[in-house]
């Protein structure tokens, strides 16, 4: 199986800091391509990207191998996005209680 060349683009973008969150991977390669390479479905990958806390370590590892970066890098992208979402949710709740 030939690896999609867009994984090399993603690797470069991570290394130079242009990709800072997990979901930004899909700006460079479709979910369907990654899902196929993971032997998964597009639907499952979409659900996982909406519920990042459900991503399994094995999936993070497999994605890191596809991209060609250490698993820690993919984990950091995931963690950063997850924490940003939680902070955003916290702000919305706070604003609702102040305005409500």
N, C-alpha and C. Protein backbone atom coordinates (compact mmCIF):
# COMPACT_ATOMS: atom_id res chain seq x y z
N UNK A 1 0.84 -1.19 0.00
CA UNK A 1 0.00 0.00 0.00
C UNK A 1 0.88 1.24 0.00
N UNK A 2 0.60 2.17 -0.87
CA UNK A 2 1.33 3.43 -0.93
C UNK A 2 0.69 4.43 0.02
N UNK A 3 1.54 5.09 0.79
CA UNK A 3 1.06 6.10 1.73
C UNK A 3 0.71 7.38 0.97
N UNK A 4 -0.40 7.98 1.31
CA UNK A 4 -0.84 9.23 0.69
C UNK A 4 0.19 10.33 0.98
N UNK A 5 0.57 11.07 -0.04
CA UNK A 5 1.58 12.13 0.11
C UNK A 5 1.14 13.25 1.04
N UNK A 6 -0.15 13.38 1.25
CA UNK A 6 -0.64 14.45 2.12
C UNK A 6 -0.23 14.24 3.57
N UNK A 7 0.10 13.01 3.94
CA UNK A 7 0.60 12.79 5.31
C UNK A 7 1.93 13.52 5.53
N UNK A 8 2.74 13.61 4.49
CA UNK A 8 4.00 14.35 4.60
C UNK A 8 3.74 15.84 4.81
N UNK A 9 2.70 16.35 4.17
CA UNK A 9 2.32 17.76 4.35
C UNK A 9 1.89 17.99 5.79
N UNK A 10 1.09 17.06 6.32
CA UNK A 10 0.63 17.18 7.70
C UNK A 10 1.82 17.16 8.65
N UNK A 11 2.76 16.26 8.41
CA UNK A 11 3.96 16.18 9.27
C UNK A 11 4.68 17.53 9.28
N UNK A 12 4.89 18.09 8.12
CA UNK A 12 5.56 19.38 8.03
C UNK A 12 4.77 20.46 8.76
N UNK A 13 3.47 20.48 8.58
CA UNK A 13 2.63 21.50 9.22
C UNK A 13 2.65 21.37 10.73
N UNK A 14 2.73 20.15 11.23
CA UNK A 14 2.85 19.96 12.68
C UNK A 14 4.20 20.47 13.16
N UNK A 15 5.25 20.13 12.43
CA UNK A 15 6.61 20.51 12.83
C UNK A 15 6.81 22.02 12.85
N UNK A 16 6.16 22.74 11.92
CA UNK A 16 6.34 24.20 11.89
C UNK A 16 5.28 24.94 12.70
N UNK A 17 4.36 24.18 13.33
CA UNK A 17 3.37 24.80 14.19
C UNK A 17 2.12 25.31 13.51
N UNK A 18 1.91 24.94 12.28
CA UNK A 18 0.70 25.38 11.56
C UNK A 18 -0.52 24.55 11.94
N UNK A 19 -0.30 23.31 12.32
CA UNK A 19 -1.37 22.47 12.85
C UNK A 19 -1.19 22.44 14.36
N UNK A 20 -2.20 22.94 15.07
CA UNK A 20 -2.11 23.02 16.53
C UNK A 20 -3.21 22.22 17.23
N UNK A 21 -4.21 21.77 16.47
CA UNK A 21 -5.29 20.97 17.03
C UNK A 21 -5.57 19.79 16.11
N UNK A 22 -6.09 18.72 16.69
CA UNK A 22 -6.32 17.48 15.96
C UNK A 22 -7.20 17.67 14.74
N UNK A 23 -8.27 18.43 14.87
CA UNK A 23 -9.21 18.58 13.75
C UNK A 23 -8.58 19.25 12.53
N UNK A 24 -7.49 19.97 12.73
CA UNK A 24 -6.83 20.65 11.62
C UNK A 24 -6.15 19.66 10.66
N UNK A 25 -5.95 18.43 11.09
CA UNK A 25 -5.40 17.41 10.19
C UNK A 25 -6.28 17.30 8.94
N UNK A 26 -7.58 17.44 9.15
CA UNK A 26 -8.53 17.22 8.07
C UNK A 26 -8.64 18.40 7.11
N UNK A 27 -7.89 19.46 7.39
CA UNK A 27 -7.76 20.56 6.42
C UNK A 27 -6.84 20.14 5.27
N UNK A 28 -6.04 19.10 5.51
CA UNK A 28 -5.03 18.68 4.55
C UNK A 28 -5.30 17.31 3.93
N UNK A 29 -6.10 16.50 4.62
CA UNK A 29 -6.41 15.16 4.11
C UNK A 29 -7.82 14.80 4.59
N UNK A 30 -8.64 14.25 3.73
CA UNK A 30 -10.01 13.92 4.12
C UNK A 30 -10.09 12.83 5.19
N UNK A 31 -11.12 12.93 6.02
CA UNK A 31 -11.35 11.90 7.03
C UNK A 31 -11.48 10.52 6.39
N UNK A 32 -12.07 10.47 5.22
CA UNK A 32 -12.28 9.18 4.56
C UNK A 32 -10.96 8.48 4.24
N UNK A 33 -9.94 9.24 3.90
CA UNK A 33 -8.63 8.66 3.60
C UNK A 33 -7.99 8.11 4.88
N UNK A 34 -8.01 8.91 5.94
CA UNK A 34 -7.44 8.45 7.21
C UNK A 34 -8.22 7.26 7.73
N UNK A 35 -9.54 7.32 7.66
CA UNK A 35 -10.37 6.21 8.13
C UNK A 35 -10.03 4.93 7.38
N UNK A 36 -9.89 5.01 6.08
CA UNK A 36 -9.55 3.83 5.28
C UNK A 36 -8.19 3.28 5.69
N UNK A 37 -7.23 4.18 5.91
CA UNK A 37 -5.89 3.74 6.31
C UNK A 37 -5.87 3.13 7.71
N UNK A 38 -6.85 3.50 8.53
CA UNK A 38 -6.97 2.94 9.87
C UNK A 38 -7.87 1.71 9.90
N UNK A 39 -8.36 1.32 8.72
CA UNK A 39 -9.33 0.22 8.63
C UNK A 39 -10.56 0.51 9.48
N UNK A 40 -11.00 1.75 9.41
CA UNK A 40 -12.16 2.21 10.16
C UNK A 40 -13.15 2.81 9.17
N UNK A 41 -14.22 3.36 9.71
CA UNK A 41 -15.20 4.00 8.83
C UNK A 41 -15.15 5.52 8.99
N UNK A 42 -15.57 6.20 7.96
CA UNK A 42 -15.64 7.66 7.98
C UNK A 42 -16.56 8.11 9.12
N UNK A 43 -17.67 7.41 9.28
CA UNK A 43 -18.64 7.75 10.32
C UNK A 43 -18.00 7.66 11.71
N UNK A 44 -17.25 6.60 11.96
CA UNK A 44 -16.61 6.44 13.26
C UNK A 44 -15.57 7.53 13.50
N UNK A 45 -14.77 7.83 12.50
CA UNK A 45 -13.74 8.86 12.66
C UNK A 45 -14.40 10.22 12.89
N UNK A 46 -15.48 10.50 12.20
CA UNK A 46 -16.20 11.76 12.42
C UNK A 46 -16.72 11.84 13.85
N UNK A 47 -17.30 10.76 14.34
CA UNK A 47 -17.81 10.73 15.71
C UNK A 47 -16.68 10.93 16.71
N UNK A 48 -15.54 10.28 16.47
CA UNK A 48 -14.40 10.42 17.37
C UNK A 48 -13.85 11.83 17.39
N UNK A 49 -13.86 12.50 16.26
CA UNK A 49 -13.33 13.86 16.23
C UNK A 49 -14.28 14.83 16.94
N UNK A 50 -15.54 14.45 17.04
CA UNK A 50 -16.50 15.26 17.79
C UNK A 50 -16.45 14.93 19.28
N UNK A 51 -16.00 13.73 19.61
CA UNK A 51 -15.89 13.27 21.00
C UNK A 51 -14.45 12.78 21.22
N UNK A 52 -13.54 13.73 21.27
CA UNK A 52 -12.11 13.38 21.33
C UNK A 52 -11.74 12.50 22.51
N UNK A 53 -12.48 12.60 23.59
CA UNK A 53 -12.15 11.78 24.75
C UNK A 53 -12.41 10.30 24.49
N UNK A 54 -13.05 9.97 23.39
CA UNK A 54 -13.31 8.58 23.03
C UNK A 54 -12.21 7.98 22.14
N UNK A 55 -11.30 8.82 21.65
CA UNK A 55 -10.19 8.31 20.85
C UNK A 55 -9.33 7.38 21.69
N UNK A 56 -8.98 6.26 21.15
CA UNK A 56 -8.17 5.28 21.88
C UNK A 56 -6.69 5.50 21.58
N UNK A 57 -5.87 5.08 22.52
CA UNK A 57 -4.43 5.24 22.37
C UNK A 57 -3.92 4.55 21.11
N UNK A 58 -4.47 3.39 20.81
CA UNK A 58 -4.06 2.67 19.61
C UNK A 58 -4.35 3.46 18.34
N UNK A 59 -5.46 4.19 18.34
CA UNK A 59 -5.81 5.01 17.19
C UNK A 59 -4.86 6.20 17.06
N UNK A 60 -4.53 6.80 18.19
CA UNK A 60 -3.56 7.91 18.17
C UNK A 60 -2.21 7.41 17.66
N UNK A 61 -1.82 6.23 18.11
CA UNK A 61 -0.55 5.65 17.67
C UNK A 61 -0.58 5.39 16.16
N UNK A 62 -1.66 4.81 15.67
CA UNK A 62 -1.77 4.51 14.24
C UNK A 62 -1.73 5.79 13.40
N UNK A 63 -2.40 6.83 13.88
CA UNK A 63 -2.38 8.11 13.15
C UNK A 63 -0.96 8.68 13.16
N UNK A 64 -0.28 8.57 14.29
CA UNK A 64 1.09 9.10 14.36
C UNK A 64 2.00 8.38 13.37
N UNK A 65 1.80 7.08 13.20
CA UNK A 65 2.60 6.31 12.25
C UNK A 65 2.29 6.73 10.81
N UNK A 66 1.02 6.98 10.52
CA UNK A 66 0.65 7.44 9.17
C UNK A 66 1.29 8.78 8.84
N UNK A 67 1.26 9.68 9.84
CA UNK A 67 1.78 11.03 9.64
C UNK A 67 3.31 11.05 9.70
N UNK A 68 3.89 10.15 10.49
CA UNK A 68 5.34 10.11 10.61
C UNK A 68 5.88 10.98 11.72
N UNK A 69 5.06 11.16 12.77
CA UNK A 69 5.50 11.92 13.94
C UNK A 69 5.34 11.03 15.17
N UNK A 70 5.95 11.45 16.26
CA UNK A 70 5.81 10.69 17.51
C UNK A 70 4.36 10.76 17.98
N UNK A 71 3.94 9.71 18.64
CA UNK A 71 2.58 9.65 19.16
C UNK A 71 2.30 10.84 20.09
N UNK A 72 3.30 11.28 20.80
CA UNK A 72 3.14 12.40 21.72
C UNK A 72 2.65 13.66 20.99
N UNK A 73 3.10 13.83 19.76
CA UNK A 73 2.68 15.00 18.98
C UNK A 73 1.19 14.95 18.67
N UNK A 74 0.71 13.78 18.27
CA UNK A 74 -0.72 13.63 17.98
C UNK A 74 -1.52 13.77 19.27
N UNK A 75 -0.99 13.21 20.35
CA UNK A 75 -1.66 13.34 21.64
C UNK A 75 -1.77 14.81 22.05
N UNK A 76 -0.69 15.58 21.87
CA UNK A 76 -0.71 17.01 22.22
C UNK A 76 -1.77 17.76 21.42
N UNK A 77 -1.88 17.44 20.12
CA UNK A 77 -2.89 18.08 19.28
C UNK A 77 -4.29 17.78 19.80
N UNK A 78 -4.49 16.53 20.18
CA UNK A 78 -5.78 16.09 20.68
C UNK A 78 -6.08 16.75 22.03
N UNK A 79 -5.10 16.74 22.90
CA UNK A 79 -5.27 17.33 24.23
C UNK A 79 -5.56 18.82 24.13
N UNK A 80 -4.82 19.52 23.29
CA UNK A 80 -5.02 20.96 23.13
C UNK A 80 -6.45 21.26 22.67
N UNK A 81 -6.93 20.49 21.71
CA UNK A 81 -8.28 20.71 21.20
C UNK A 81 -9.32 20.36 22.27
N UNK A 82 -9.12 19.28 22.97
CA UNK A 82 -10.05 18.86 24.01
C UNK A 82 -10.14 19.91 25.11
N UNK A 83 -9.00 20.42 25.55
CA UNK A 83 -8.99 21.43 26.60
C UNK A 83 -9.62 22.75 26.12
N UNK A 84 -9.39 23.09 24.86
CA UNK A 84 -9.99 24.31 24.31
C UNK A 84 -11.52 24.18 24.27
N UNK A 85 -12.00 23.01 23.89
CA UNK A 85 -13.45 22.78 23.87
C UNK A 85 -14.05 22.86 25.26
N UNK A 86 -13.36 22.29 26.24
CA UNK A 86 -13.86 22.32 27.61
C UNK A 86 -13.88 23.76 28.13
N UNK A 87 -12.85 24.53 27.81
CA UNK A 87 -12.81 25.92 28.24
C UNK A 87 -13.94 26.72 27.58
N UNK A 88 -14.17 26.44 26.31
CA UNK A 88 -15.24 27.12 25.58
C UNK A 88 -16.60 26.78 26.18
N UNK A 89 -16.81 25.53 26.51
CA UNK A 89 -18.06 25.09 27.13
C UNK A 89 -18.24 25.76 28.49
N UNK A 90 -17.16 25.87 29.25
CA UNK A 90 -17.21 26.53 30.55
C UNK A 90 -17.58 27.99 30.43
N UNK A 91 -17.03 28.68 29.43
CA UNK A 91 -17.36 30.09 29.20
C UNK A 91 -18.82 30.26 28.82
N UNK A 92 -19.34 29.35 27.98
CA UNK A 92 -20.74 29.43 27.57
C UNK A 92 -21.65 29.26 28.78
N UNK A 93 -21.33 28.29 29.63
CA UNK A 93 -22.14 28.07 30.83
C UNK A 93 -22.10 29.26 31.75
N UNK A 94 -20.92 29.86 31.91
CA UNK A 94 -20.78 31.02 32.78
C UNK A 94 -21.59 32.18 32.23
N UNK A 95 -21.50 32.41 30.92
CA UNK A 95 -22.26 33.50 30.30
C UNK A 95 -23.75 33.27 30.41
N UNK A 96 -24.19 32.03 30.29
CA UNK A 96 -25.61 31.71 30.41
C UNK A 96 -26.11 31.99 31.82
N UNK A 97 -25.31 31.67 32.81
CA UNK A 97 -25.74 31.89 34.20
C UNK A 97 -25.74 33.38 34.54
N UNK A 98 -24.83 34.15 33.95
CA UNK A 98 -24.77 35.59 34.18
C UNK A 98 -25.93 36.28 33.47
N UNK A 99 -26.20 35.84 32.24
CA UNK A 99 -27.25 36.46 31.44
C UNK A 99 -28.63 35.88 31.71
N UNK A 100 -28.68 34.72 32.34
CA UNK A 100 -29.96 34.01 32.51
C UNK A 100 -30.58 34.35 33.78
